[in-house]
Amino acid sequence: MRYNRSNSLLAGMDTSSLQTRLTQMQQDYLDLMSGRKVESASYTQGDGGKNVSYTRANSGELAMAIRQLQAQLGIICTPRRGIGFRF
């Protein structure tokens, strides 16, 4: 099945918004793969302690989301169907 940009869940989004999100997701992927992504952190300020937590994304799902954004933006092409012969 070919990727159809007009029927995608991302259809109608502004190209610049998609490009910005793609850049963020690619950086998140690199951070996740290199172990630089913080899972949780806590610190104390004058008004009390603060906690920040991030969920660890599944790298496979993140890679698929990046490829979908790339396809929506036309950066990558979806593969052609196999060539068949009719006799």
C-alpha atoms as a PDB file:
ATOM      1  CA  MET A   1       0.000   0.000   0.000  1.00  0.00           C
ATOM      2  CA  ARG A   2       1.378   3.366  -0.999  1.00  0.00           C
ATOM      3  CA  TYR A   3       1.592   6.277   1.413  1.00  0.00           C
ATOM      4  CA  ASN A   4      -1.094   8.857   0.644  1.00  0.00           C
ATOM      5  CA  ARG A   5      -0.285  12.277   2.092  1.00  0.00           C
ATOM      6  CA  SER A   6      -3.839  13.546   1.673  1.00  0.00           C
ATOM      7  CA  ASN A   7      -5.306  10.684   3.760  1.00  0.00           C
ATOM      8  CA  SER A   8      -2.603  10.659   6.430  1.00  0.00           C
ATOM      9  CA  LEU A   9      -3.228  11.494  10.070  1.00  0.00           C
ATOM     10  CA  LEU A  10      -0.823  14.385   9.470  1.00  0.00           C
ATOM     11  CA  ALA A  11      -2.760  15.792   6.505  1.00  0.00           C
ATOM     12  CA  GLY A  12      -3.588  19.465   6.883  1.00  0.00           C
ATOM     13  CA  MET A  13      -0.697  20.284   9.193  1.00  0.00           C
ATOM     14  CA  ASP A  14       1.557  23.153   8.240  1.00  0.00           C
ATOM     15  CA  THR A  15       4.804  22.052   6.569  1.00  0.00           C
ATOM     16  CA  SER A  16       6.931  24.200   8.863  1.00  0.00           C
ATOM     17  CA  SER A  17       5.285  22.619  11.937  1.00  0.00           C
ATOM     18  CA  LEU A  18       5.964  19.153  10.558  1.00  0.00           C
ATOM     19  CA  GLN A  19       9.585  20.044   9.816  1.00  0.00           C
ATOM     20  CA  THR A  20      10.089  21.459  13.325  1.00  0.00           C
ATOM     21  CA  ARG A  21       8.594  18.348  14.904  1.00  0.00           C
ATOM     22  CA  LEU A  22      10.692  16.079  12.680  1.00  0.00           C
ATOM     23  CA  THR A  23      13.856  17.837  13.812  1.00  0.00           C
ATOM     24  CA  GLN A  24      12.815  17.466  17.468  1.00  0.00           C
ATOM     25  CA  MET A  25      11.979  13.788  17.058  1.00  0.00           C
ATOM     26  CA  GLN A  26      15.257  13.067  15.290  1.00  0.00           C
ATOM     27  CA  GLN A  27      17.157  14.752  18.121  1.00  0.00           C
ATOM     28  CA  ASP A  28      15.123  12.770  20.678  1.00  0.00           C
ATOM     29  CA  TYR A  29      15.975   9.572  18.796  1.00  0.00           C
ATOM     30  CA  LEU A  30      19.676  10.393  18.813  1.00  0.00           C
ATOM     31  CA  ASP A  31      19.536  11.283  22.516  1.00  0.00           C
ATOM     32  CA  LEU A  32      17.690   8.060  23.295  1.00  0.00           C
ATOM     33  CA  MET A  33      20.118   5.911  21.323  1.00  0.00           C
ATOM     34  CA  SER A  34      23.158   7.577  22.891  1.00  0.00           C
ATOM     35  CA  GLY A  35      21.770   7.333  26.442  1.00  0.00           C
ATOM     36  CA  ARG A  36      21.605  11.113  26.914  1.00  0.00           C
ATOM     37  CA  LYS A  37      17.839  11.234  27.552  1.00  0.00           C
ATOM     38  CA  VAL A  38      16.997  11.946  31.197  1.00  0.00           C
ATOM     39  CA  GLU A  39      14.271   9.715  32.570  1.00  0.00           C
ATOM     40  CA  SER A  40      13.593  11.594  35.778  1.00  0.00           C
ATOM     41  CA  ALA A  41      15.191  14.451  37.676  1.00  0.00           C
ATOM     42  CA  SER A  42      14.490  16.311  40.881  1.00  0.00           C
ATOM     43  CA  TYR A  43      15.816  19.572  42.234  1.00  0.00           C
ATOM     44  CA  THR A  44      15.110  22.029  45.039  1.00  0.00           C
ATOM     45  CA  GLN A  45      14.350  25.712  44.716  1.00  0.00           C
ATOM     46  CA  GLY A  46      13.440  28.333  47.285  1.00  0.00           C
ATOM     47  CA  ASP A  47       9.738  27.470  47.002  1.00  0.00           C
ATOM     48  CA  GLY A  48      10.241  23.720  47.474  1.00  0.00           C
ATOM     49  CA  GLY A  49      11.299  20.631  45.613  1.00  0.00           C
ATOM     50  CA  LYS A  50      10.464  20.005  41.983  1.00  0.00           C
ATOM     51  CA  ASN A  51      10.221  16.739  40.091  1.00  0.00           C
ATOM     52  CA  VAL A  52      10.389  16.299  36.349  1.00  0.00           C
ATOM     53  CA  SER A  53       9.765  12.932  34.714  1.00  0.00           C
ATOM     54  CA  TYR A  54      10.013  11.865  31.095  1.00  0.00           C
ATOM     55  CA  THR A  55       8.776   8.623  29.679  1.00  0.00           C
ATOM     56  CA  ARG A  56      11.253   6.491  27.801  1.00  0.00           C
ATOM     57  CA  ALA A  57       9.947   6.095  24.284  1.00  0.00           C
ATOM     58  CA  ASN A  58      10.172   2.845  22.419  1.00  0.00           C
ATOM     59  CA  SER A  59      12.917   3.436  19.853  1.00  0.00           C
ATOM     60  CA  GLY A  60      11.074   1.373  17.223  1.00  0.00           C
ATOM     61  CA  GLU A  61       7.891   3.421  17.547  1.00  0.00           C
ATOM     62  CA  LEU A  62       9.894   6.632  17.478  1.00  0.00           C
ATOM     63  CA  ALA A  63      11.712   5.509  14.321  1.00  0.00           C
ATOM     64  CA  MET A  64       8.375   4.693  12.645  1.00  0.00           C
ATOM     65  CA  ALA A  65       6.969   8.105  13.594  1.00  0.00           C
ATOM     66  CA  ILE A  66      10.067   9.782  12.119  1.00  0.00           C
ATOM     67  CA  ARG A  67       9.631   7.828   8.865  1.00  0.00           C
ATOM     68  CA  GLN A  68       5.946   8.834   8.704  1.00  0.00           C
ATOM     69  CA  LEU A  69       6.878  12.495   9.108  1.00  0.00           C
ATOM     70  CA  GLN A  70       9.556  12.123   6.449  1.00  0.00           C
ATOM     71  CA  ALA A  71       7.042  10.537   4.080  1.00  0.00           C
ATOM     72  CA  GLN A  72       4.497  13.295   4.779  1.00  0.00           C
ATOM     73  CA  LEU A  73       7.118  15.931   3.983  1.00  0.00           C
ATOM     74  CA  GLY A  74       8.201  14.079   0.832  1.00  0.00           C
ATOM     75  CA  ILE A  75      11.746  13.545   2.126  1.00  0.00           C
ATOM     76  CA  ILE A  76      11.614   9.795   1.575  1.00  0.00           C
ATOM     77  CA  CYS A  77       9.674   7.923  -1.030  1.00  0.00           C
ATOM     78  CA  THR A  78       7.704   4.851  -0.248  1.00  0.00           C
ATOM     79  CA  PRO A  79       8.941   1.781  -2.096  1.00  0.00           C
ATOM     80  CA  ARG A  80       7.404   0.855  -5.424  1.00  0.00           C
ATOM     81  CA  ARG A  81       5.241  -2.172  -5.831  1.00  0.00           C
ATOM     82  CA  GLY A  82       6.926  -5.242  -7.175  1.00  0.00           C
ATOM     83  CA  ILE A  83       7.047  -5.537 -10.940  1.00  0.00           C
ATOM     84  CA  GLY A  84       4.713  -8.244 -12.097  1.00  0.00           C
ATOM     85  CA  PHE A  85       4.425  -9.899 -15.471  1.00  0.00           C
ATOM     86  CA  ARG A  86       1.176 -10.666 -17.200  1.00  0.00           C
ATOM     87  CA  PHE A  87       1.047 -13.381 -19.801  1.00  0.00           C
END
